[in-house]
Protein backbone atom coordinates (compact mmCIF):
# COMPACT_ATOMS: atom_id res chain seq x y z
CA MET A 1 46.62 -54.19 100.72
CA MET A 2 42.87 -54.15 100.45
CA ASN A 3 42.78 -50.47 101.21
CA LYS A 4 45.23 -49.72 98.44
CA LEU A 5 43.17 -51.79 96.02
CA LYS A 6 39.99 -49.91 97.00
CA LYS A 7 41.70 -46.57 96.52
CA PHE A 8 42.96 -47.65 93.11
CA LEU A 9 39.52 -48.80 91.98
CA GLN A 10 38.02 -45.60 93.35
CA LYS A 11 40.45 -43.53 91.28
CA LEU A 12 39.60 -45.57 88.17
CA ASN A 13 35.90 -44.97 88.74
CA GLU A 14 36.49 -41.27 89.17
CA LYS A 15 38.56 -41.12 85.96
CA GLU A 16 35.90 -43.09 84.04
CA LYS A 17 33.19 -40.75 85.36
CA LYS A 18 35.17 -37.70 84.30
CA SER A 19 35.83 -39.25 80.91
CA ARG A 20 32.12 -39.88 80.45
CA GLU A 21 31.29 -36.33 81.51
CA ASN A 22 33.88 -34.95 79.08
CA PHE A 23 32.53 -37.16 76.29
CA ASN A 24 28.97 -36.02 76.94
CA THR A 25 30.08 -32.39 76.92
CA VAL A 26 31.90 -32.79 73.62
CA ASP A 27 28.92 -34.63 72.11
CA ASN A 28 26.51 -31.95 73.28
CA ASN A 29 28.78 -29.26 71.90
CA LYS A 30 28.84 -31.08 68.59
CA LEU A 31 25.05 -31.33 68.60
CA ASP A 32 24.70 -27.65 69.44
CA LYS A 33 27.09 -26.68 66.65
CA THR A 34 25.27 -28.93 64.15
CA THR A 35 21.93 -27.37 65.07
CA VAL A 36 23.35 -23.87 64.76
CA ASN A 37 24.91 -24.70 61.42
CA LYS A 38 21.63 -26.09 60.06
CA ARG A 39 19.68 -23.04 61.19
CA SER A 40 22.29 -20.70 59.75
CA LEU A 41 22.14 -22.55 56.45
CA ILE A 42 18.34 -22.26 56.33
CA VAL A 43 18.51 -18.50 57.03
CA LEU A 44 21.25 -18.11 54.43
CA ILE A 45 19.23 -20.01 51.81
CA PHE A 46 16.16 -17.90 52.67
CA PHE A 47 18.01 -14.62 52.13
CA ILE A 48 19.71 -15.89 48.97
CA GLY A 49 16.25 -16.86 47.68
CA LEU A 50 14.90 -13.41 48.47
CA PHE A 51 17.88 -11.83 46.75
CA LEU A 52 17.40 -14.01 43.65
CA LEU A 53 13.69 -13.17 43.55
CA LEU A 54 14.57 -9.48 43.75
CA VAL A 55 17.10 -9.84 40.93
CA ILE A 56 14.60 -11.76 38.77
CA TYR A 57 11.91 -9.13 39.44
CA LEU A 58 14.26 -6.29 38.54
CA VAL A 59 15.28 -8.03 35.31
CA ILE A 60 11.66 -8.67 34.33
CA PHE A 61 10.71 -5.13 35.31
CA GLN A 62 13.53 -3.68 33.25
CA LEU A 63 12.59 -5.78 30.22
CA THR A 64 8.80 -5.40 30.36
CA LYS A 65 7.79 -2.42 32.51
CA ALA A 66 10.55 0.15 32.70
CA GLU A 67 10.09 1.58 29.20
CA SER A 68 6.32 1.92 29.48
CA LEU A 69 6.57 3.55 32.90
CA ALA A 70 9.32 5.87 31.72
CA GLN A 71 7.08 6.95 28.86
CA HIS A 72 3.87 7.04 30.89
CA ASP A 73 2.12 10.35 30.34
CA HIS A 74 1.85 10.91 34.12
CA ASN A 75 5.56 10.31 34.82
CA LYS A 76 6.66 13.60 36.42
CA ARG A 77 10.33 13.03 35.50
CA ASN A 78 9.42 13.74 31.89
CA TRP A 79 8.38 17.25 32.87
CA VAL A 80 11.84 18.01 34.24
CA ASN A 81 13.13 17.42 30.71
CA GLU A 82 10.40 19.63 29.24
CA ASN A 83 11.70 22.68 31.04
CA ILE A 84 15.30 22.19 29.93
CA ILE A 85 14.47 20.93 26.44
CA THR A 86 12.29 22.91 24.04
CA ARG A 87 9.75 20.42 22.75
CA GLY A 88 9.88 20.00 18.97
CA THR A 89 7.45 21.63 16.54
CA ILE A 90 4.75 19.64 14.73
CA TYR A 91 4.05 20.54 11.08
CA ASP A 92 1.55 19.33 8.51
CA ARG A 93 2.63 17.88 5.16
CA ASN A 94 2.95 21.40 3.68
CA LYS A 95 5.07 22.75 6.58
CA ASN A 96 2.20 24.64 8.19
CA THR A 97 2.90 24.90 11.92
CA LEU A 98 0.40 22.90 13.94
CA VAL A 99 1.98 22.88 17.41
CA HIS A 100 4.95 24.74 18.86
CA THR A 101 6.47 25.62 22.26
CA GLN A 102 6.54 28.94 24.08
CA ARG A 103 7.88 29.97 27.50
CA ASP A 104 5.83 31.77 30.15
CA ASP A 105 6.95 34.49 32.61
CA MET A 106 7.93 31.83 35.16
CA GLY A 107 10.32 30.19 32.71
CA ASN A 108 8.09 27.17 32.08
CA ASN A 109 7.55 25.77 28.61
CA TYR A 110 4.01 25.31 27.31
CA ARG A 111 2.50 24.16 24.03
CA VAL A 112 0.54 26.30 21.58
CA TYR A 113 -1.97 24.45 19.38
CA GLU A 114 -2.57 26.61 16.32
CA TYR A 115 -5.60 24.64 15.12
CA SER A 116 -6.98 23.97 18.62
CA ASP A 117 -10.06 21.70 18.45
CA ILE A 118 -9.78 21.13 14.68
CA LEU A 119 -6.63 19.03 15.07
CA ALA A 120 -6.98 17.96 18.70
CA PRO A 121 -7.81 14.31 17.80
CA VAL A 122 -4.47 14.16 15.97
CA THR A 123 -2.14 16.28 18.09
CA GLY A 124 -3.70 15.35 21.42
CA TYR A 125 -2.65 17.41 24.43
CA ASN A 126 0.41 17.86 26.64
CA SER A 127 -0.56 18.68 30.23
CA VAL A 128 1.51 18.58 33.42
CA THR A 129 -1.65 17.67 35.35
CA TYR A 130 -3.46 15.34 32.97
CA GLY A 131 -0.64 13.82 30.95
CA LYS A 132 -0.38 13.38 27.19
CA THR A 133 -2.48 12.00 24.36
CA GLY A 134 -2.32 11.82 20.56
CA ILE A 135 0.92 12.49 18.71
CA GLU A 136 2.20 14.35 21.79
CA LYS A 137 2.12 11.02 23.62
CA SER A 138 3.15 8.55 20.94
CA TYR A 139 6.11 10.68 19.76
CA ASN A 140 7.06 12.11 23.14
CA ARG A 141 10.65 10.82 23.04
CA GLU A 142 11.24 12.15 19.53
CA LEU A 143 9.78 15.56 20.38
CA LEU A 144 12.14 15.78 23.38
CA ASP A 145 15.09 14.17 21.56
CA LEU A 146 15.27 11.43 24.18
CA GLU A 147 15.96 8.54 21.84
CA ASP A 148 17.74 5.45 23.14
CA LYS A 149 21.26 6.72 22.46
CA PRO A 150 24.23 5.93 24.72
CA MET A 151 24.60 9.54 25.87
CA SER A 152 20.93 10.52 25.91
CA LYS A 153 20.35 10.08 29.65
CA PHE A 154 23.63 11.72 30.55
CA LYS A 155 22.80 14.62 28.23
CA SER A 156 19.40 15.12 29.85
CA MET A 157 21.11 15.51 33.24
CA VAL A 158 23.84 17.96 32.28
CA VAL A 159 22.47 19.98 29.36
CA LYS A 160 20.58 23.02 30.62
CA SER A 161 19.04 24.07 27.31
CA ASP A 162 18.35 22.04 24.21
CA VAL A 163 15.86 21.62 21.38
CA GLY A 164 13.85 18.53 20.57
CA ASN A 165 13.08 17.06 17.15
CA ASP A 166 10.33 18.20 14.80
CA LEU A 167 7.59 16.08 13.23
CA ASN A 168 6.18 16.37 9.73
CA LEU A 169 2.73 14.80 9.54
CA THR A 170 0.81 13.33 6.62
CA ILE A 171 -2.14 15.57 7.59
CA ASP A 172 -3.16 18.43 5.29
CA ALA A 173 -4.27 21.25 7.61
CA ASN A 174 -6.55 22.81 4.98
CA LEU A 175 -8.31 19.52 4.28
CA GLN A 176 -8.58 18.94 8.03
CA GLN A 177 -10.30 22.32 8.38
CA ILE A 178 -12.72 21.52 5.54
CA SER A 179 -13.51 18.08 7.00
CA TYR A 180 -14.08 19.60 10.43
CA ASN A 181 -16.47 22.18 8.96
CA TYR A 182 -18.57 19.45 7.34
CA LEU A 183 -19.01 17.75 10.72
CA GLN A 184 -20.31 20.83 12.53
CA GLY A 185 -23.74 20.10 13.93
CA TYR A 186 -23.07 16.35 13.91
CA THR A 187 -21.50 13.84 16.25
CA GLY A 188 -19.20 11.58 14.30
CA SER A 189 -15.94 11.14 12.45
CA ILE A 190 -14.26 11.48 9.05
CA VAL A 191 -11.06 9.77 7.88
CA ILE A 192 -9.48 10.43 4.48
CA MET A 193 -6.50 8.36 3.26
CA ASN A 194 -4.27 8.03 0.26
CA ALA A 195 -5.20 4.49 -0.76
CA LYS A 196 -1.84 3.73 -2.37
CA THR A 197 0.47 5.02 0.37
CA GLY A 198 -1.56 4.72 3.58
CA GLU A 199 -1.01 8.40 4.38
CA VAL A 200 -3.85 9.80 6.52
CA LEU A 201 -4.67 13.22 5.10
CA SER A 202 -7.54 14.11 7.41
CA LEU A 203 -8.72 12.59 10.68
CA VAL A 204 -11.58 14.39 12.40
CA SER A 205 -13.65 13.60 15.47
CA ASN A 206 -16.55 15.76 16.62
CA PRO A 207 -17.26 17.03 19.22
CA SER A 208 -13.66 17.93 19.94
CA PHE A 209 -11.84 20.04 22.55
CA ASN A 210 -9.35 22.87 22.77
CA PRO A 211 -5.98 21.57 24.03
CA ASN A 212 -4.87 25.18 24.73
CA THR A 213 -7.40 25.44 27.57
CA LEU A 214 -7.49 21.79 28.61
CA ASP A 215 -6.59 22.31 32.27
CA ASP A 216 -9.29 24.94 32.78
CA ASP A 217 -11.88 22.93 30.83
CA TRP A 218 -11.10 19.51 32.28
CA GLN A 219 -14.07 19.05 34.61
CA ASN A 220 -16.54 20.11 31.93
CA LEU A 221 -14.85 17.83 29.38
CA ILE A 222 -14.95 14.69 31.49
CA GLN A 223 -18.58 15.33 32.52
CA ASN A 224 -19.75 15.99 28.96
CA GLU A 225 -21.98 13.07 27.90
CA ASN A 226 -20.87 13.56 24.25
CA ALA A 227 -17.32 12.52 25.23
CA PRO A 228 -15.27 15.22 23.42
CA LEU A 229 -12.02 13.65 24.65
CA LEU A 230 -12.79 10.40 22.78
CA ASN A 231 -11.09 10.15 19.42
CA ARG A 232 -13.99 8.64 17.52
CA ALA A 233 -11.91 8.12 14.37
CA THR A 234 -9.50 5.68 16.02
CA GLN A 235 -11.19 4.55 19.24
CA GLY A 236 -14.92 4.78 18.54
CA LEU A 237 -16.51 1.37 17.87
CA TYR A 238 -19.70 1.15 15.80
CA ARG A 239 -21.81 -1.37 13.94
CA PRO A 240 -20.87 -0.90 10.28
CA GLY A 241 -24.31 -1.61 8.85
CA SER A 242 -24.41 -2.26 5.11
CA SER A 243 -20.90 -0.88 4.57
CA MET A 244 -19.80 -4.33 5.81
CA LYS A 245 -21.30 -5.88 2.66
CA VAL A 246 -18.16 -4.85 0.78
CA VAL A 247 -16.12 -7.25 2.91
CA THR A 248 -18.71 -10.04 2.70
CA SER A 249 -18.84 -9.68 -1.10
CA VAL A 250 -15.15 -10.56 -1.31
CA GLY A 251 -15.78 -13.78 0.63
CA LEU A 252 -18.72 -14.75 -1.60
CA ILE A 253 -16.71 -14.29 -4.79
CA GLU A 254 -13.57 -16.02 -3.54
CA ASN A 255 -15.49 -19.07 -2.29
CA ASN A 256 -17.59 -19.51 -5.44
CA ILE A 257 -20.92 -19.07 -3.69
CA ASP A 258 -23.91 -19.02 -6.06
CA LEU A 259 -24.53 -15.29 -6.41
CA ASN A 260 -28.15 -15.55 -7.62
CA TYR A 261 -31.06 -15.10 -5.22
CA ASN A 262 -34.80 -14.44 -5.25
CA ASP A 263 -35.49 -11.71 -2.69
CA THR A 264 -38.99 -12.07 -1.22
CA GLY A 265 -38.31 -9.48 1.49
CA SER A 266 -37.81 -12.06 4.23
CA GLU A 267 -35.29 -14.74 5.16
CA ILE A 268 -35.70 -17.18 8.06
CA ILE A 269 -32.51 -18.39 9.74
CA GLN A 270 -32.62 -20.36 12.96
CA GLN A 271 -36.30 -19.40 13.32
CA TYR A 272 -35.32 -15.72 13.21
CA GLU A 273 -36.81 -13.52 10.50
CA ILE A 274 -34.49 -11.09 8.69
CA LYS A 275 -36.01 -8.32 6.56
CA ASN A 276 -34.76 -5.58 4.27
CA PHE A 277 -34.68 -1.94 5.29
CA GLY A 278 -38.19 -0.52 4.96
CA ASP A 279 -39.57 -4.04 4.31
CA ALA A 280 -38.45 -3.76 0.68
CA VAL A 281 -38.78 -6.69 -1.77
CA TYR A 282 -36.28 -6.81 -4.68
CA GLY A 283 -37.04 -10.05 -6.53
CA GLN A 284 -34.26 -11.64 -8.61
CA LEU A 285 -30.82 -10.42 -7.54
CA ASP A 286 -27.17 -11.08 -8.24
CA LEU A 287 -24.26 -9.67 -6.22
CA ARG A 288 -24.17 -6.38 -8.16
CA SER A 289 -27.88 -5.65 -7.75
CA ALA A 290 -27.80 -6.87 -4.15
CA LEU A 291 -25.13 -4.27 -3.36
CA VAL A 292 -26.94 -1.55 -5.31
CA ASN A 293 -30.20 -2.23 -3.47
CA SER A 294 -28.44 -3.11 -0.22
CA SER A 295 -30.49 -6.26 0.31
CA ASN A 296 -30.13 -7.59 3.86
CA THR A 297 -31.92 -10.83 3.04
CA TYR A 298 -29.51 -11.54 0.18
CA PHE A 299 -26.41 -11.13 2.34
CA ALA A 300 -27.93 -13.01 5.25
CA LYS A 301 -28.71 -16.02 3.05
CA LYS A 302 -25.40 -15.96 1.19
CA THR A 303 -23.40 -15.53 4.40
CA ASP A 304 -25.25 -18.51 5.84
CA GLU A 305 -24.20 -20.51 2.79
CA LEU A 306 -20.63 -19.22 3.11
CA GLY A 307 -20.44 -20.34 6.74
CA LYS A 308 -18.67 -18.95 9.77
CA GLU A 309 -15.22 -20.42 9.05
CA LYS A 310 -15.01 -19.05 5.50
CA LEU A 311 -16.37 -15.68 6.61
CA LYS A 312 -13.68 -15.58 9.30
CA GLU A 313 -10.98 -16.36 6.72
CA THR A 314 -12.16 -13.34 4.73
CA THR A 315 -12.44 -10.94 7.66
CA ASP A 316 -9.04 -12.06 8.97
CA LYS A 317 -7.47 -10.78 5.76
CA PHE A 318 -9.28 -7.46 6.31
CA LEU A 319 -7.63 -7.38 9.80
CA PHE A 320 -10.72 -7.88 11.93
CA ASN A 321 -9.63 -9.09 15.38
CA LYS A 322 -6.05 -8.26 14.36
CA GLU A 323 -3.47 -5.81 15.63
CA TYR A 324 -2.00 -3.23 13.28
CA LYS A 325 0.39 -0.36 13.89
CA PHE A 326 -0.70 3.26 13.85
CA ASP A 327 0.75 6.47 15.24
CA LEU A 328 -2.20 7.03 17.62
CA ASP A 329 -3.82 4.85 20.25
CA HIS A 330 -6.58 2.91 18.51
CA SER A 331 -9.16 0.19 18.99
CA ASN A 332 -9.24 -2.96 16.87
CA SER A 333 -12.38 -3.84 14.94
CA LYS A 334 -14.03 -6.94 16.38
CA ILE A 335 -16.15 -9.88 15.34
CA PRO A 336 -16.47 -12.27 18.31
CA TYR A 337 -16.71 -15.49 16.30
CA ASP A 338 -16.66 -17.70 19.39
CA GLN A 339 -19.96 -16.08 20.43
CA LEU A 340 -21.75 -16.34 17.07
CA ASN A 341 -24.53 -18.81 16.37
CA GLU A 342 -25.98 -19.36 12.89
CA VAL A 343 -28.20 -16.29 12.85
CA ASP A 344 -25.46 -14.10 14.39
CA THR A 345 -23.14 -15.16 11.58
CA ALA A 346 -25.77 -14.35 8.96
CA MET A 347 -26.30 -10.90 10.48
CA THR A 348 -22.54 -10.31 10.54
CA GLY A 349 -22.61 -10.58 6.75
CA PHE A 350 -24.66 -7.39 6.46
CA GLY A 351 -23.04 -5.46 9.30
CA TYR A 352 -25.32 -6.15 12.22
CA GLY A 353 -25.06 -8.53 15.14
CA LYS A 354 -21.95 -8.16 17.30
CA THR A 355 -19.57 -6.59 14.76
CA GLN A 356 -17.80 -3.39 15.85
CA VAL A 357 -15.54 -1.26 13.68
CA THR A 358 -13.60 2.01 13.83
CA PRO A 359 -13.83 4.71 11.13
CA LEU A 360 -10.07 4.42 10.58
CA HIS A 361 -10.38 0.71 9.84
CA MET A 362 -13.30 1.27 7.46
CA ALA A 363 -11.20 3.83 5.57
CA MET A 364 -8.46 1.17 5.36
CA ILE A 365 -10.99 -1.32 3.95
CA ALA A 366 -12.12 1.15 1.28
CA SER A 367 -8.46 1.88 0.50
CA ALA A 368 -7.71 -1.82 0.03
CA ILE A 369 -10.47 -2.22 -2.57
CA ALA A 370 -9.29 0.93 -4.36
CA ASN A 371 -5.67 -0.31 -4.28
CA ASP A 372 -6.21 -3.64 -6.10
CA GLY A 373 -6.73 -5.58 -2.88
CA LYS A 374 -3.62 -4.34 -1.07
CA MET A 375 -4.19 -2.85 2.39
CA MET A 376 -1.51 -0.34 3.32
CA GLN A 377 -0.16 0.54 6.75
CA PRO A 378 -1.99 3.72 7.90
CA ARG A 379 0.55 6.50 8.55
CA LEU A 380 0.29 9.83 10.32
CA VAL A 381 3.96 10.85 10.57
CA LEU A 382 6.01 11.38 7.42
CA ASP A 383 9.36 11.92 9.12
CA VAL A 384 11.26 13.16 12.17
CA GLU A 385 13.80 15.99 11.75
CA ASP A 386 16.40 17.29 14.18
CA LYS A 387 16.91 21.00 14.84
CA ASP A 388 19.29 21.24 11.86
CA GLY A 389 16.75 19.77 9.43
CA LYS A 390 18.40 16.35 9.21
CA VAL A 391 15.87 13.53 8.75
CA LEU A 392 16.28 11.03 11.58
CA LYS A 393 13.33 8.77 10.78
CA LYS A 394 11.23 8.46 7.67
CA SER A 395 8.11 6.36 7.17
CA GLU A 396 7.62 4.45 3.92
CA PRO A 397 4.54 2.88 2.31
CA GLN A 398 4.09 -0.66 3.59
CA GLU A 399 1.58 -3.31 2.58
CA ILE A 400 0.16 -5.06 5.64
CA SER A 401 -2.40 -7.39 4.05
CA GLU A 402 -3.53 -8.62 0.67
CA VAL A 403 -7.27 -8.74 1.29
CA THR A 404 -8.05 -10.17 -2.16
CA ASP A 405 -6.63 -10.43 -5.68
CA SER A 406 -6.75 -7.52 -8.10
CA GLN A 407 -9.46 -9.11 -10.24
CA THR A 408 -11.87 -9.46 -7.32
CA ALA A 409 -11.02 -5.96 -6.12
CA GLN A 410 -11.78 -4.62 -9.60
CA GLN A 411 -15.13 -6.43 -9.63
CA ILE A 412 -16.11 -4.99 -6.24
CA ARG A 413 -14.90 -1.57 -7.38
CA GLU A 414 -17.25 -1.65 -10.39
CA TYR A 415 -20.15 -2.69 -8.20
CA MET A 416 -19.41 0.15 -5.76
CA LEU A 417 -19.46 2.59 -8.70
CA ASP A 418 -22.91 1.29 -9.56
CA VAL A 419 -24.03 1.72 -5.95
CA VAL A 420 -23.26 5.43 -6.18
CA ARG A 421 -24.71 5.84 -9.69
CA GLU A 422 -27.92 3.89 -9.14
CA GLY A 423 -28.52 3.06 -5.51
CA SER A 424 -28.87 4.59 -2.10
CA GLY A 425 -25.47 6.26 -2.39
CA THR A 426 -26.52 8.47 -5.31
CA ALA A 427 -26.15 11.59 -3.17
CA ALA A 428 -22.40 11.00 -3.11
CA ASN A 429 -22.07 11.41 -6.89
CA VAL A 430 -20.29 14.67 -7.64
CA SER A 431 -19.87 16.32 -11.03
CA ASP A 432 -16.52 15.55 -12.70
CA ILE A 433 -15.54 12.98 -10.08
CA GLN A 434 -16.40 9.29 -10.21
CA ILE A 435 -17.00 7.98 -6.71
CA ALA A 436 -17.31 4.32 -5.75
CA GLY A 437 -18.83 3.61 -2.38
CA LYS A 438 -21.21 1.86 -0.07
CA THR A 439 -23.61 3.34 2.44
CA GLY A 440 -24.56 1.83 5.75
CA THR A 441 -27.32 2.42 8.27
CA ALA A 442 -26.97 0.71 11.63
CA GLU A 443 -29.58 0.80 14.36
CA THR A 444 -28.23 1.86 17.75
CA ASP A 445 -29.18 0.66 21.21
CA ASN A 446 -31.18 3.83 21.86
CA GLY A 447 -33.39 3.29 18.80
CA SER A 448 -31.67 5.80 16.52
CA THR A 449 -29.23 5.07 13.67
CA ASP A 450 -25.57 5.56 12.82
CA ALA A 451 -25.14 6.61 9.18
CA TRP A 452 -22.11 5.39 7.18
CA PHE A 453 -20.44 5.97 3.86
CA ILE A 454 -17.17 4.36 2.79
CA GLY A 455 -15.68 4.75 -0.65
CA PHE A 456 -13.06 6.34 -2.87
CA ALA A 457 -12.64 8.54 -5.92
CA VAL A 458 -11.92 6.53 -9.07
CA ASP A 459 -9.37 7.46 -11.77
CA GLN A 460 -7.80 10.24 -9.70
CA ASP A 461 -4.23 10.67 -8.53
CA PRO A 462 -3.72 10.43 -5.62
CA GLN A 463 -6.58 8.02 -5.09
CA LEU A 464 -8.37 9.17 -1.95
CA ALA A 465 -10.43 6.81 0.21
CA ILE A 466 -12.90 8.04 2.80
CA ALA A 467 -14.98 6.83 5.73
CA VAL A 468 -17.74 8.97 7.25
CA VAL A 469 -19.88 8.01 10.23
CA ILE A 470 -22.60 10.20 11.74
CA GLU A 471 -23.77 9.06 15.16
CA ASN A 472 -27.38 8.81 16.33
CA ASP A 473 -28.70 10.90 13.45
CA GLY A 474 -31.82 8.89 12.70
CA ARG A 475 -31.31 9.10 8.94
CA THR A 476 -29.71 6.67 6.48
CA GLY A 477 -26.16 6.67 5.19
CA GLY A 478 -27.39 7.73 1.77
CA GLU A 479 -29.23 10.71 3.23
CA VAL A 480 -26.52 12.19 5.44
CA ALA A 481 -23.09 10.48 5.26
CA ALA A 482 -22.86 10.07 1.47
CA PRO A 483 -23.43 13.76 0.61
CA ILE A 484 -20.75 14.79 3.10
CA ALA A 485 -18.29 12.32 1.57
CA GLY A 486 -19.03 13.40 -1.99
CA ASN A 487 -18.68 17.11 -1.30
CA LEU A 488 -15.54 16.55 0.73
CA LEU A 489 -13.81 14.53 -2.00
CA ARG A 490 -14.75 17.20 -4.53
CA ASP A 491 -13.27 19.93 -2.33
CA ALA A 492 -10.15 17.85 -1.77
CA TYR A 493 -9.39 17.50 -5.48
CA TYR A 494 -10.21 21.05 -6.49
CA THR A 495 -8.75 23.02 -3.61
CA ILE A 496 -5.95 20.93 -2.05
CA SER A 497 -2.51 20.04 -3.38
CA TYR A 498 -0.84 16.82 -2.22
CA ASN A 499 2.37 16.97 -4.22
């Protein structure tokens, strides 16, 4: 009996042991599966995260980078299109051919620049090796007829021969030639605009380059210390000198600053002495006589009274430190107000200190005074035409800032007339044409001077505004820039038609 009981208990123990072993095995299997599941989930989440990051990057890239890279002047895919699409022709306002396309013996398209270095700052260049600049760059899609149309990309893949769109510019080729001739022997720039429409009629930068021989000339061009590839009209930054007094005058009038002043030839601001050019002393002055005599001490004192905040309000309306649209790459004129102390601000009022301007912007400023205080959008392209002559795009005059009211503009205009009649800008006065203007002479870092003249012809239609800057000449604006401006405006009205 006892033996049977022992055997029974032994069997129970064996069954319990097996049960425990089976339970432990199941539990371990469950633990192993749980661990595997957790690890798999982590890996899955990791790859999903990577995928989402990739999707987000591609979306951001498509929205912010794709267009600029597609249009980048070094994007080789654009050159595939250029050999199956004849690049459009560029004309001036009178339908004179400026740039057109020819095909070489190897079947490759190349551009012919009829006015070579004369118009290079406007047209730019179109090189397989060195990319694109100027109008060739900014209107690349239009010239190749690659606008954002539903079938445009498909067409570029399947069409073996096609013709791009043509451009009609605001430029007058004859006036451009005359302007270019006046700059020979000088380093500098000339910009001439229609003050009422914003049309740029002439835009010259010297020294220039020949886009027809760009590839062969490249090494010499980039090593040339005179920087012929720089478009001084739109990208060159200069101190404006006394031409800036036109802008400051608007701020003084609008803020009811006392315009009377006794000029003793010296003004002390923040323990810094400011003097007139040539140590001149002018005695009793008002705003008109201060502009005529170009008194630095007057504008330093009155700008100090105006204060930095009010001066900034004025220059903001003249688009300093502001973006504006133009058909070429361009720099923005700058006044770094956050860096200006009291004496810096005073010097800003007469065009010294840390102010930097472009000739294009100074022509816009002169245009705004001529146009009753309305600054117009500068324009270089009149319209875009397809190969059948249909106008696809057309630019229209657009006001971009009201720099002052018409009454103040008229007052400044009268003072600028007196500057030319009586003051240092007398050399700009031309028989039969009334010219209003302001000269400027700005010392450069190398001890020379940049010579300025900005102004416009009064009582003429169209009303032309001009900015001339001559770099490192050593003479004053009245001696060198003003005579160029006067003769050029005379030639424009008597030899050029703008209708």
